[in-house]
N, C-alpha and C. Protein backbone atom coordinates (compact mmCIF):
# COMPACT_ATOMS: atom_id res chain seq x y z
N MET A 1 13.27 -47.98 38.09
CA MET A 1 13.49 -48.04 36.64
C MET A 1 12.37 -47.32 35.88
N LYS A 2 11.15 -47.52 36.35
CA LYS A 2 10.00 -46.88 35.70
C LYS A 2 10.11 -45.36 35.82
N ARG A 3 10.50 -44.87 37.02
CA ARG A 3 10.64 -43.44 37.23
C ARG A 3 11.74 -42.86 36.33
N PHE A 4 12.83 -43.60 36.17
CA PHE A 4 13.92 -43.17 35.31
C PHE A 4 13.46 -43.06 33.87
N PHE A 5 12.66 -44.01 33.43
CA PHE A 5 12.14 -44.01 32.05
C PHE A 5 11.24 -42.79 31.82
N LEU A 6 10.34 -42.49 32.77
CA LEU A 6 9.44 -41.35 32.65
C LEU A 6 10.22 -40.03 32.63
N LEU A 7 11.26 -39.94 33.46
CA LEU A 7 12.10 -38.75 33.50
C LEU A 7 12.81 -38.56 32.17
N LEU A 8 13.29 -39.65 31.58
CA LEU A 8 13.99 -39.60 30.29
C LEU A 8 13.05 -39.11 29.19
N VAL A 9 11.82 -39.63 29.18
CA VAL A 9 10.82 -39.22 28.19
C VAL A 9 10.52 -37.72 28.34
N PHE A 10 10.39 -37.25 29.60
CA PHE A 10 10.12 -35.83 29.86
C PHE A 10 11.24 -34.95 29.34
N LEU A 11 12.48 -35.38 29.58
CA LEU A 11 13.63 -34.59 29.13
C LEU A 11 13.70 -34.53 27.61
N LEU A 12 13.41 -35.64 26.96
CA LEU A 12 13.44 -35.67 25.49
C LEU A 12 12.37 -34.76 24.90
N VAL A 13 11.18 -34.79 25.48
CA VAL A 13 10.08 -33.95 25.00
C VAL A 13 10.41 -32.48 25.22
N SER A 14 11.00 -32.18 26.38
CA SER A 14 11.36 -30.80 26.70
C SER A 14 12.41 -30.28 25.74
N CYS A 15 13.39 -31.13 25.40
CA CYS A 15 14.46 -30.71 24.49
C CYS A 15 13.93 -30.46 23.09
N ASN A 16 12.89 -31.22 22.71
CA ASN A 16 12.34 -31.09 21.36
C ASN A 16 11.26 -30.01 21.26
N SER A 17 10.85 -29.49 22.39
CA SER A 17 9.82 -28.45 22.36
C SER A 17 10.39 -27.16 21.79
N PRO A 18 9.63 -26.48 20.93
CA PRO A 18 10.15 -25.24 20.34
C PRO A 18 10.24 -24.14 21.39
N GLU A 19 11.12 -23.18 21.13
CA GLU A 19 11.29 -22.07 22.04
C GLU A 19 10.00 -21.26 22.13
N GLU A 20 9.65 -20.85 23.33
CA GLU A 20 8.40 -20.13 23.54
C GLU A 20 8.36 -18.86 22.70
N TYR A 21 7.20 -18.65 22.02
CA TYR A 21 6.91 -17.51 21.15
C TYR A 21 7.69 -17.51 19.83
N SER A 22 8.39 -18.61 19.56
CA SER A 22 9.04 -18.73 18.26
C SER A 22 7.98 -19.10 17.22
N GLU A 23 8.36 -19.04 15.94
CA GLU A 23 7.41 -19.38 14.87
C GLU A 23 6.90 -20.80 15.02
N GLU A 24 7.83 -21.73 15.38
CA GLU A 24 7.45 -23.13 15.57
C GLU A 24 6.49 -23.28 16.73
N TRP A 25 6.72 -22.48 17.79
CA TRP A 25 5.86 -22.54 18.96
C TRP A 25 4.44 -22.10 18.61
N PHE A 26 4.34 -21.02 17.83
CA PHE A 26 3.02 -20.53 17.42
C PHE A 26 2.30 -21.53 16.53
N LEU A 27 3.03 -22.14 15.61
CA LEU A 27 2.43 -23.14 14.72
C LEU A 27 1.91 -24.33 15.51
N GLU A 28 2.68 -24.72 16.53
CA GLU A 28 2.27 -25.83 17.38
C GLU A 28 1.02 -25.46 18.17
N LYS A 29 1.00 -24.23 18.69
CA LYS A 29 -0.16 -23.75 19.45
C LYS A 29 -1.40 -23.63 18.57
N LEU A 30 -1.19 -23.14 17.34
CA LEU A 30 -2.32 -22.98 16.43
C LEU A 30 -2.97 -24.31 16.07
N ALA A 31 -2.18 -25.36 16.14
CA ALA A 31 -2.70 -26.70 15.85
C ALA A 31 -3.46 -27.29 17.03
N ASP A 32 -3.35 -26.64 18.18
CA ASP A 32 -4.01 -27.13 19.39
C ASP A 32 -5.39 -26.48 19.50
N PRO A 33 -6.47 -27.25 19.31
CA PRO A 33 -7.83 -26.67 19.35
C PRO A 33 -8.22 -26.16 20.73
N ASP A 34 -7.50 -26.57 21.76
CA ASP A 34 -7.84 -26.17 23.13
C ASP A 34 -7.08 -24.93 23.60
N TRP A 35 -6.18 -24.39 22.75
CA TRP A 35 -5.42 -23.20 23.16
C TRP A 35 -6.35 -22.01 23.20
N GLU A 36 -6.42 -21.31 24.34
CA GLU A 36 -7.41 -20.26 24.54
C GLU A 36 -7.21 -19.05 23.62
N PHE A 37 -5.99 -18.83 23.16
CA PHE A 37 -5.71 -17.66 22.31
C PHE A 37 -5.60 -18.05 20.83
N ARG A 38 -6.06 -19.23 20.50
CA ARG A 38 -5.90 -19.74 19.13
C ARG A 38 -6.53 -18.83 18.08
N GLU A 39 -7.78 -18.41 18.31
CA GLU A 39 -8.49 -17.61 17.32
C GLU A 39 -7.86 -16.24 17.15
N GLN A 40 -7.48 -15.62 18.28
CA GLN A 40 -6.85 -14.30 18.21
C GLN A 40 -5.53 -14.37 17.46
N ALA A 41 -4.73 -15.40 17.74
CA ALA A 41 -3.44 -15.57 17.07
C ALA A 41 -3.61 -15.80 15.58
N ARG A 42 -4.61 -16.59 15.22
CA ARG A 42 -4.88 -16.86 13.80
C ARG A 42 -5.26 -15.56 13.07
N ASN A 43 -6.07 -14.73 13.73
CA ASN A 43 -6.47 -13.45 13.12
C ASN A 43 -5.27 -12.53 12.94
N ILE A 44 -4.39 -12.49 13.94
CA ILE A 44 -3.20 -11.64 13.86
C ILE A 44 -2.28 -12.10 12.72
N MET A 45 -2.07 -13.40 12.63
CA MET A 45 -1.20 -13.95 11.59
C MET A 45 -1.79 -13.71 10.20
N GLN A 46 -3.12 -13.79 10.09
CA GLN A 46 -3.77 -13.53 8.80
C GLN A 46 -3.64 -12.06 8.42
N THR A 47 -3.75 -11.18 9.42
CA THR A 47 -3.59 -9.74 9.18
C THR A 47 -2.19 -9.43 8.67
N ILE A 48 -1.19 -10.03 9.30
CA ILE A 48 0.21 -9.83 8.88
C ILE A 48 0.39 -10.30 7.44
N LYS A 49 -0.22 -11.43 7.13
CA LYS A 49 -0.13 -12.00 5.77
C LYS A 49 -0.82 -11.09 4.76
N ASP A 50 -2.00 -10.58 5.12
CA ASP A 50 -2.76 -9.68 4.23
C ASP A 50 -2.00 -8.38 4.00
N ASP A 51 -1.41 -7.83 5.08
CA ASP A 51 -0.64 -6.59 4.97
C ASP A 51 0.54 -6.76 4.01
N ALA A 52 1.24 -7.88 4.16
CA ALA A 52 2.41 -8.14 3.31
C ALA A 52 1.99 -8.24 1.84
N SER A 53 0.84 -8.86 1.61
CA SER A 53 0.34 -9.00 0.24
C SER A 53 -0.01 -7.65 -0.38
N LEU A 54 -0.63 -6.77 0.40
CA LEU A 54 -0.99 -5.44 -0.10
C LEU A 54 0.24 -4.57 -0.34
N VAL A 55 1.22 -4.69 0.56
CA VAL A 55 2.46 -3.91 0.39
C VAL A 55 3.15 -4.32 -0.90
N GLU A 56 3.20 -5.62 -1.16
CA GLU A 56 3.83 -6.10 -2.39
C GLU A 56 3.05 -5.66 -3.62
N LYS A 57 1.72 -5.68 -3.52
CA LYS A 57 0.85 -5.31 -4.64
C LYS A 57 0.98 -3.84 -5.02
N TYR A 58 1.16 -2.97 -4.02
CA TYR A 58 1.14 -1.54 -4.28
C TYR A 58 2.48 -0.85 -4.07
N SER A 59 3.54 -1.61 -4.00
CA SER A 59 4.87 -1.02 -3.87
C SER A 59 5.51 -0.86 -5.25
N ILE A 60 5.77 0.39 -5.64
CA ILE A 60 6.43 0.64 -6.92
C ILE A 60 7.81 0.00 -6.92
N GLY A 61 8.49 0.06 -5.78
CA GLY A 61 9.82 -0.55 -5.65
C GLY A 61 9.79 -2.04 -5.91
N SER A 62 8.73 -2.71 -5.48
CA SER A 62 8.60 -4.16 -5.71
C SER A 62 8.48 -4.45 -7.19
N TRP A 63 7.72 -3.61 -7.91
CA TRP A 63 7.58 -3.81 -9.37
C TRP A 63 8.94 -3.72 -10.04
N LEU A 64 9.67 -2.66 -9.70
CA LEU A 64 10.93 -2.38 -10.38
C LEU A 64 12.00 -3.42 -10.06
N SER A 65 11.94 -4.00 -8.86
CA SER A 65 12.96 -4.97 -8.47
C SER A 65 12.59 -6.40 -8.83
N ASN A 66 11.38 -6.57 -9.35
CA ASN A 66 10.93 -7.91 -9.73
C ASN A 66 11.60 -8.31 -11.05
N GLU A 67 12.33 -9.40 -11.01
CA GLU A 67 13.11 -9.83 -12.18
C GLU A 67 12.20 -10.14 -13.37
N GLU A 68 11.06 -10.77 -13.09
CA GLU A 68 10.13 -11.12 -14.15
C GLU A 68 9.59 -9.86 -14.82
N PHE A 69 9.30 -8.84 -14.00
CA PHE A 69 8.80 -7.56 -14.52
C PHE A 69 9.87 -6.87 -15.37
N ALA A 70 11.10 -6.87 -14.84
CA ALA A 70 12.20 -6.18 -15.53
C ALA A 70 12.50 -6.79 -16.89
N ASN A 71 12.34 -8.12 -17.00
CA ASN A 71 12.69 -8.82 -18.24
C ASN A 71 11.50 -8.97 -19.20
N SER A 72 10.35 -8.45 -18.80
CA SER A 72 9.17 -8.61 -19.66
C SER A 72 9.12 -7.51 -20.71
N ASN A 73 8.28 -7.74 -21.71
CA ASN A 73 8.10 -6.75 -22.77
C ASN A 73 6.78 -6.01 -22.59
N ARG A 74 6.47 -5.66 -21.35
CA ARG A 74 5.21 -4.99 -21.08
C ARG A 74 5.17 -3.60 -21.72
N ASP A 75 3.95 -3.17 -21.99
CA ASP A 75 3.74 -1.85 -22.57
C ASP A 75 4.20 -0.79 -21.57
N LYS A 76 5.20 -0.01 -21.98
CA LYS A 76 5.76 1.00 -21.07
C LYS A 76 4.72 2.05 -20.69
N GLU A 77 3.85 2.40 -21.64
CA GLU A 77 2.84 3.42 -21.35
C GLU A 77 1.85 2.91 -20.31
N ALA A 78 1.48 1.62 -20.40
CA ALA A 78 0.55 1.04 -19.43
C ALA A 78 1.17 1.02 -18.04
N THR A 79 2.46 0.70 -17.97
CA THR A 79 3.17 0.67 -16.69
C THR A 79 3.28 2.08 -16.12
N TYR A 80 3.58 3.03 -16.99
CA TYR A 80 3.69 4.43 -16.57
C TYR A 80 2.35 4.95 -16.05
N LEU A 81 1.28 4.59 -16.75
CA LEU A 81 -0.06 5.01 -16.36
C LEU A 81 -0.43 4.41 -15.00
N LYS A 82 -0.08 3.16 -14.81
CA LYS A 82 -0.33 2.49 -13.53
C LYS A 82 0.41 3.19 -12.39
N THR A 83 1.63 3.61 -12.67
CA THR A 83 2.45 4.32 -11.67
C THR A 83 1.83 5.67 -11.33
N LEU A 84 1.36 6.39 -12.34
CA LEU A 84 0.74 7.70 -12.10
C LEU A 84 -0.49 7.57 -11.20
N LYS A 85 -1.31 6.56 -11.46
CA LYS A 85 -2.52 6.35 -10.66
C LYS A 85 -2.18 5.98 -9.22
N LEU A 86 -1.19 5.12 -9.07
CA LEU A 86 -0.77 4.73 -7.73
C LEU A 86 -0.19 5.93 -6.97
N CYS A 87 0.59 6.76 -7.65
CA CYS A 87 1.15 7.95 -7.01
C CYS A 87 0.04 8.89 -6.56
N ALA A 88 -1.00 9.04 -7.39
CA ALA A 88 -2.13 9.90 -7.01
C ALA A 88 -2.81 9.36 -5.75
N ALA A 89 -3.02 8.05 -5.70
CA ALA A 89 -3.64 7.42 -4.53
C ALA A 89 -2.73 7.52 -3.31
N ASN A 90 -1.45 7.33 -3.53
CA ASN A 90 -0.46 7.38 -2.44
C ASN A 90 -0.48 8.75 -1.75
N PHE A 91 -0.48 9.81 -2.57
CA PHE A 91 -0.47 11.16 -2.00
C PHE A 91 -1.83 11.55 -1.43
N ALA A 92 -2.89 10.93 -1.93
CA ALA A 92 -4.22 11.18 -1.37
C ALA A 92 -4.27 10.68 0.07
N ILE A 93 -3.66 9.54 0.33
CA ILE A 93 -3.60 9.00 1.69
C ILE A 93 -2.74 9.89 2.58
N MET A 94 -1.59 10.29 2.08
CA MET A 94 -0.69 11.15 2.86
C MET A 94 -1.35 12.49 3.16
N TYR A 95 -2.10 13.01 2.19
CA TYR A 95 -2.85 14.25 2.40
C TYR A 95 -3.89 14.06 3.50
N GLY A 96 -4.61 12.94 3.44
CA GLY A 96 -5.64 12.65 4.43
C GLY A 96 -5.09 12.56 5.84
N PHE A 97 -3.94 11.89 5.97
CA PHE A 97 -3.31 11.76 7.29
C PHE A 97 -2.83 13.12 7.81
N THR A 98 -2.34 13.96 6.90
CA THR A 98 -1.87 15.28 7.31
C THR A 98 -3.02 16.15 7.76
N GLU A 99 -4.13 16.10 7.02
CA GLU A 99 -5.31 16.86 7.40
C GLU A 99 -5.85 16.39 8.76
N ALA A 100 -5.83 15.08 8.97
CA ALA A 100 -6.27 14.53 10.26
C ALA A 100 -5.34 14.98 11.38
N GLY A 101 -4.04 15.09 11.04
CA GLY A 101 -3.05 15.53 12.02
C GLY A 101 -3.29 16.95 12.48
N LYS A 102 -3.82 17.79 11.58
CA LYS A 102 -4.13 19.17 11.97
C LYS A 102 -5.17 19.20 13.08
N LEU A 103 -6.09 18.24 13.05
CA LEU A 103 -7.16 18.20 14.05
C LEU A 103 -6.69 17.55 15.35
N SER A 104 -5.85 16.51 15.22
CA SER A 104 -5.43 15.77 16.41
C SER A 104 -4.14 16.31 17.04
N GLY A 105 -3.38 17.10 16.24
CA GLY A 105 -2.13 17.65 16.76
C GLY A 105 -0.90 16.85 16.40
N GLU A 106 -1.09 15.71 15.70
CA GLU A 106 0.06 14.88 15.29
C GLU A 106 -0.35 13.99 14.14
N THR A 107 0.49 13.92 13.12
CA THR A 107 0.19 13.06 11.97
C THR A 107 0.66 11.64 12.24
N LEU A 108 0.30 10.74 11.35
CA LEU A 108 0.72 9.35 11.49
C LEU A 108 2.23 9.22 11.44
N GLU A 109 2.87 10.14 10.71
CA GLU A 109 4.34 10.14 10.62
C GLU A 109 4.98 10.91 11.77
N GLU A 110 4.15 11.27 12.78
CA GLU A 110 4.60 11.92 14.01
C GLU A 110 5.07 13.37 13.79
N VAL A 111 4.51 14.04 12.78
CA VAL A 111 4.76 15.46 12.59
C VAL A 111 3.82 16.22 13.53
N ILE A 112 4.37 17.13 14.33
CA ILE A 112 3.56 17.86 15.30
C ILE A 112 3.54 19.37 15.04
N ASP A 113 4.46 19.85 14.22
CA ASP A 113 4.53 21.28 13.92
C ASP A 113 3.39 21.66 12.95
N GLU A 114 2.55 22.61 13.36
CA GLU A 114 1.38 22.97 12.57
C GLU A 114 1.76 23.57 11.22
N GLU A 115 2.76 24.42 11.19
CA GLU A 115 3.19 25.03 9.92
C GLU A 115 3.72 23.98 8.95
N GLU A 116 4.43 22.99 9.50
CA GLU A 116 4.94 21.90 8.66
C GLU A 116 3.78 21.08 8.10
N MET A 117 2.75 20.88 8.90
CA MET A 117 1.57 20.15 8.42
C MET A 117 0.91 20.90 7.27
N ILE A 118 0.80 22.21 7.41
CA ILE A 118 0.19 23.03 6.36
C ILE A 118 1.01 22.94 5.08
N ARG A 119 2.34 23.01 5.21
CA ARG A 119 3.23 22.92 4.05
C ARG A 119 3.08 21.56 3.37
N LEU A 120 3.09 20.49 4.18
CA LEU A 120 2.97 19.14 3.63
C LEU A 120 1.61 18.92 2.97
N SER A 121 0.58 19.45 3.59
CA SER A 121 -0.77 19.30 3.05
C SER A 121 -0.87 19.92 1.66
N LYS A 122 -0.32 21.12 1.50
CA LYS A 122 -0.33 21.79 0.19
C LYS A 122 0.51 21.00 -0.82
N GLN A 123 1.64 20.50 -0.37
CA GLN A 123 2.53 19.74 -1.25
C GLN A 123 1.85 18.46 -1.73
N TYR A 124 1.23 17.73 -0.80
CA TYR A 124 0.56 16.48 -1.17
C TYR A 124 -0.62 16.74 -2.10
N ASP A 125 -1.37 17.81 -1.82
CA ASP A 125 -2.52 18.15 -2.66
C ASP A 125 -2.07 18.46 -4.09
N ASN A 126 -0.94 19.15 -4.21
CA ASN A 126 -0.39 19.46 -5.53
C ASN A 126 0.01 18.17 -6.27
N HIS A 127 0.62 17.25 -5.55
CA HIS A 127 1.03 15.98 -6.15
C HIS A 127 -0.18 15.16 -6.61
N ILE A 128 -1.23 15.16 -5.80
CA ILE A 128 -2.45 14.43 -6.18
C ILE A 128 -2.94 14.92 -7.53
N HIS A 129 -3.09 16.24 -7.65
CA HIS A 129 -3.61 16.83 -8.89
C HIS A 129 -2.66 16.60 -10.06
N TYR A 130 -1.38 16.67 -9.80
CA TYR A 130 -0.40 16.47 -10.88
C TYR A 130 -0.51 15.05 -11.45
N PHE A 131 -0.38 14.05 -10.59
CA PHE A 131 -0.36 12.66 -11.05
C PHE A 131 -1.71 12.25 -11.64
N TYR A 132 -2.79 12.70 -11.03
CA TYR A 132 -4.12 12.38 -11.54
C TYR A 132 -4.34 13.02 -12.91
N THR A 133 -3.99 14.30 -13.04
CA THR A 133 -4.17 15.01 -14.30
C THR A 133 -3.33 14.41 -15.41
N ARG A 134 -2.08 14.05 -15.10
CA ARG A 134 -1.22 13.43 -16.11
C ARG A 134 -1.80 12.10 -16.58
N ALA A 135 -2.31 11.31 -15.64
CA ALA A 135 -2.89 10.02 -16.00
C ALA A 135 -4.13 10.21 -16.89
N LEU A 136 -4.95 11.19 -16.55
CA LEU A 136 -6.15 11.46 -17.33
C LEU A 136 -5.80 11.99 -18.72
N GLU A 137 -4.77 12.80 -18.81
CA GLU A 137 -4.31 13.32 -20.11
C GLU A 137 -3.89 12.17 -21.03
N ILE A 138 -3.18 11.20 -20.47
CA ILE A 138 -2.72 10.05 -21.26
C ILE A 138 -3.89 9.19 -21.71
N GLU A 139 -4.84 8.95 -20.80
CA GLU A 139 -5.98 8.07 -21.12
C GLU A 139 -6.90 8.68 -22.17
N THR A 140 -6.90 10.00 -22.30
CA THR A 140 -7.83 10.66 -23.24
C THR A 140 -7.11 11.27 -24.44
N ALA A 141 -5.79 11.13 -24.51
CA ALA A 141 -5.00 11.83 -25.53
C ALA A 141 -5.34 11.42 -26.96
N ASN A 142 -5.53 10.13 -27.20
CA ASN A 142 -5.67 9.65 -28.58
C ASN A 142 -7.12 9.37 -28.97
N PHE A 143 -8.06 9.89 -28.21
CA PHE A 143 -9.47 9.61 -28.52
C PHE A 143 -10.01 10.61 -29.54
N ASP A 144 -10.67 10.08 -30.55
CA ASP A 144 -11.32 10.92 -31.57
C ASP A 144 -12.81 10.95 -31.25
N ASP A 145 -13.31 12.14 -30.86
CA ASP A 145 -14.71 12.23 -30.42
C ASP A 145 -15.68 12.60 -31.55
N THR A 146 -15.24 12.41 -32.80
CA THR A 146 -16.08 12.77 -33.95
C THR A 146 -17.43 12.07 -33.90
N ASN A 147 -17.42 10.76 -33.63
CA ASN A 147 -18.66 9.98 -33.61
C ASN A 147 -19.10 9.63 -32.19
N TRP A 148 -18.59 10.38 -31.24
CA TRP A 148 -18.92 10.08 -29.84
C TRP A 148 -20.35 10.52 -29.51
N ASN A 149 -21.10 9.61 -28.93
CA ASN A 149 -22.46 9.94 -28.49
C ASN A 149 -22.60 9.52 -27.03
N GLY A 150 -22.36 10.46 -26.15
CA GLY A 150 -22.39 10.14 -24.73
C GLY A 150 -23.61 10.67 -24.01
N ASN A 151 -24.67 11.00 -24.76
CA ASN A 151 -25.90 11.51 -24.15
C ASN A 151 -25.63 12.68 -23.19
N GLY A 152 -24.85 13.65 -23.68
CA GLY A 152 -24.57 14.83 -22.89
C GLY A 152 -23.34 14.72 -22.03
N ILE A 153 -22.73 13.53 -21.96
CA ILE A 153 -21.51 13.32 -21.18
C ILE A 153 -20.33 13.21 -22.14
N THR A 154 -19.32 14.02 -21.95
CA THR A 154 -18.15 13.95 -22.82
C THR A 154 -17.32 12.71 -22.49
N TYR A 155 -16.50 12.30 -23.45
CA TYR A 155 -15.61 11.15 -23.22
C TYR A 155 -14.65 11.46 -22.08
N TYR A 156 -14.20 12.70 -22.01
CA TYR A 156 -13.29 13.13 -20.95
C TYR A 156 -13.95 12.96 -19.59
N ASP A 157 -15.21 13.40 -19.48
CA ASP A 157 -15.94 13.28 -18.22
C ASP A 157 -16.12 11.81 -17.82
N MET A 158 -16.39 10.96 -18.82
CA MET A 158 -16.58 9.54 -18.55
C MET A 158 -15.28 8.91 -18.02
N LYS A 159 -14.16 9.23 -18.68
CA LYS A 159 -12.86 8.69 -18.25
C LYS A 159 -12.46 9.26 -16.89
N ASP A 160 -12.81 10.52 -16.65
CA ASP A 160 -12.52 11.16 -15.37
C ASP A 160 -13.23 10.41 -14.24
N ALA A 161 -14.51 10.10 -14.44
CA ALA A 161 -15.29 9.40 -13.42
C ALA A 161 -14.76 7.99 -13.19
N ALA A 162 -14.40 7.31 -14.29
CA ALA A 162 -13.89 5.93 -14.18
C ALA A 162 -12.55 5.91 -13.46
N MET A 163 -11.69 6.87 -13.79
CA MET A 163 -10.37 6.89 -13.17
C MET A 163 -10.44 7.33 -11.71
N SER A 164 -11.36 8.23 -11.41
CA SER A 164 -11.55 8.66 -10.03
C SER A 164 -11.94 7.47 -9.16
N LYS A 165 -12.79 6.62 -9.69
CA LYS A 165 -13.20 5.41 -8.96
C LYS A 165 -12.04 4.45 -8.81
N GLU A 166 -11.24 4.30 -9.89
CA GLU A 166 -10.09 3.38 -9.85
C GLU A 166 -9.05 3.83 -8.82
N VAL A 167 -8.71 5.11 -8.84
CA VAL A 167 -7.73 5.65 -7.89
C VAL A 167 -8.28 5.53 -6.46
N GLY A 168 -9.59 5.77 -6.31
CA GLY A 168 -10.22 5.64 -5.00
C GLY A 168 -10.15 4.22 -4.47
N ASN A 169 -10.32 3.25 -5.35
CA ASN A 169 -10.23 1.84 -4.94
C ASN A 169 -8.82 1.48 -4.49
N ILE A 170 -7.81 2.00 -5.21
CA ILE A 170 -6.42 1.78 -4.82
C ILE A 170 -6.17 2.39 -3.44
N ARG A 171 -6.63 3.62 -3.27
CA ARG A 171 -6.47 4.32 -1.99
C ARG A 171 -7.10 3.52 -0.84
N ASP A 172 -8.32 3.03 -1.07
CA ASP A 172 -9.04 2.30 -0.01
C ASP A 172 -8.34 0.99 0.34
N GLU A 173 -7.80 0.31 -0.67
CA GLU A 173 -7.08 -0.94 -0.39
C GLU A 173 -5.83 -0.69 0.43
N ILE A 174 -5.10 0.36 0.08
CA ILE A 174 -3.90 0.70 0.84
C ILE A 174 -4.28 1.10 2.27
N TYR A 175 -5.38 1.85 2.40
CA TYR A 175 -5.88 2.25 3.72
C TYR A 175 -6.15 1.03 4.62
N SER A 176 -6.50 -0.10 4.00
CA SER A 176 -6.89 -1.27 4.78
C SER A 176 -5.71 -1.99 5.44
N ILE A 177 -4.48 -1.55 5.14
CA ILE A 177 -3.31 -2.13 5.80
C ILE A 177 -3.39 -1.82 7.30
N GLU A 178 -3.34 -2.86 8.12
CA GLU A 178 -3.55 -2.69 9.56
C GLU A 178 -2.33 -2.14 10.28
N SER A 179 -1.15 -2.58 9.86
CA SER A 179 0.08 -2.18 10.54
C SER A 179 0.49 -0.76 10.13
N ASN A 180 0.57 0.14 11.09
CA ASN A 180 1.01 1.51 10.80
C ASN A 180 2.42 1.53 10.23
N ASP A 181 3.29 0.68 10.77
CA ASP A 181 4.68 0.64 10.30
C ASP A 181 4.74 0.22 8.83
N SER A 182 3.97 -0.81 8.47
CA SER A 182 3.94 -1.29 7.08
C SER A 182 3.36 -0.23 6.16
N LEU A 183 2.31 0.45 6.64
CA LEU A 183 1.66 1.47 5.83
C LEU A 183 2.59 2.65 5.58
N ILE A 184 3.24 3.14 6.62
CA ILE A 184 4.16 4.27 6.46
C ILE A 184 5.33 3.90 5.56
N GLU A 185 5.87 2.71 5.75
CA GLU A 185 7.00 2.26 4.92
C GLU A 185 6.60 2.22 3.45
N LEU A 186 5.39 1.73 3.16
CA LEU A 186 4.90 1.69 1.78
C LEU A 186 4.73 3.10 1.21
N LEU A 187 4.06 3.96 1.97
CA LEU A 187 3.79 5.32 1.50
C LEU A 187 5.07 6.10 1.24
N GLU A 188 6.02 6.01 2.17
CA GLU A 188 7.27 6.77 2.03
C GLU A 188 8.15 6.20 0.93
N GLY A 189 8.13 4.87 0.76
CA GLY A 189 8.90 4.26 -0.33
C GLY A 189 8.37 4.68 -1.69
N ASN A 190 7.03 4.68 -1.82
CA ASN A 190 6.41 5.13 -3.07
C ASN A 190 6.64 6.62 -3.31
N GLU A 191 6.58 7.40 -2.22
CA GLU A 191 6.76 8.85 -2.33
C GLU A 191 8.09 9.19 -2.99
N LYS A 192 9.15 8.53 -2.59
CA LYS A 192 10.48 8.80 -3.16
C LYS A 192 10.51 8.50 -4.65
N LEU A 193 9.91 7.39 -5.05
CA LEU A 193 9.91 7.02 -6.46
C LEU A 193 8.98 7.92 -7.27
N CYS A 194 7.87 8.36 -6.66
CA CYS A 194 6.96 9.28 -7.34
C CYS A 194 7.64 10.62 -7.60
N PHE A 195 8.47 11.07 -6.65
CA PHE A 195 9.23 12.31 -6.85
C PHE A 195 10.14 12.19 -8.07
N ILE A 196 10.79 11.03 -8.21
CA ILE A 196 11.69 10.81 -9.34
C ILE A 196 10.91 10.84 -10.65
N VAL A 197 9.74 10.17 -10.66
CA VAL A 197 8.90 10.16 -11.85
C VAL A 197 8.49 11.58 -12.24
N ARG A 198 8.11 12.36 -11.26
CA ARG A 198 7.65 13.72 -11.56
C ARG A 198 8.79 14.61 -12.05
N ARG A 199 9.94 14.49 -11.41
CA ARG A 199 11.09 15.32 -11.82
C ARG A 199 11.53 15.01 -13.25
N GLN A 200 11.39 13.75 -13.66
CA GLN A 200 11.85 13.34 -14.99
C GLN A 200 10.80 13.58 -16.06
N ASN A 201 9.61 13.98 -15.65
CA ASN A 201 8.54 14.21 -16.61
C ASN A 201 8.67 15.60 -17.20
N PRO A 202 8.68 15.74 -18.51
CA PRO A 202 8.82 17.07 -19.13
C PRO A 202 7.64 17.99 -18.81
N ASN A 203 6.50 17.39 -18.47
CA ASN A 203 5.31 18.18 -18.17
C ASN A 203 5.16 18.35 -16.66
N ASN A 204 6.24 18.76 -16.01
CA ASN A 204 6.25 18.86 -14.55
C ASN A 204 5.76 20.24 -14.11
N GLN A 205 4.48 20.47 -14.25
CA GLN A 205 3.91 21.76 -13.86
C GLN A 205 3.09 21.61 -12.60
N ASN A 206 2.88 22.72 -11.91
CA ASN A 206 2.07 22.70 -10.70
C ASN A 206 0.59 22.84 -11.04
N TYR A 207 -0.25 22.25 -10.19
CA TYR A 207 -1.69 22.31 -10.42
C TYR A 207 -2.37 22.97 -9.21
């Protein structure tokens, strides 16, 4: 009778155990302080969480599909300016990966043709200058420098330096995404929307 009882308890525990490598299984393992891979698993899960947060933060598509954003009365110019800066940072990363691909023989997007890399590099560089210049034009458009005293530094130069730092910070945060798949998906998703923004802009000139 005792053996039957122990067997019954074992079967019940086995039936209630989560499937190996399922989300429930990992959560159960993470709660076990003696699990040898606990710290590594926690770091991986945190990385996945951080990546998802950055993708949401810097995805133009996420902004546009957000119901709260769509129904808000936000300043359209501020939103447009934010998009221009993000597009500049987005293409700066794509340019960097393409330039690195020239040295290694393959880009992050798995482009291996050297002529295609050269074409893409020029295209991305043009987009960087376009979006950055448009953003800077907007930020400095309505400034009256009559009483400006910048100790030899123009207001334009000051805004240029500030925006360069801001775009650089956006670029660096996006760079910190660990998952290549998540990073490429974000960059390519933004790229499509940035193309639309540029095509619809009346000041669509090359730089």
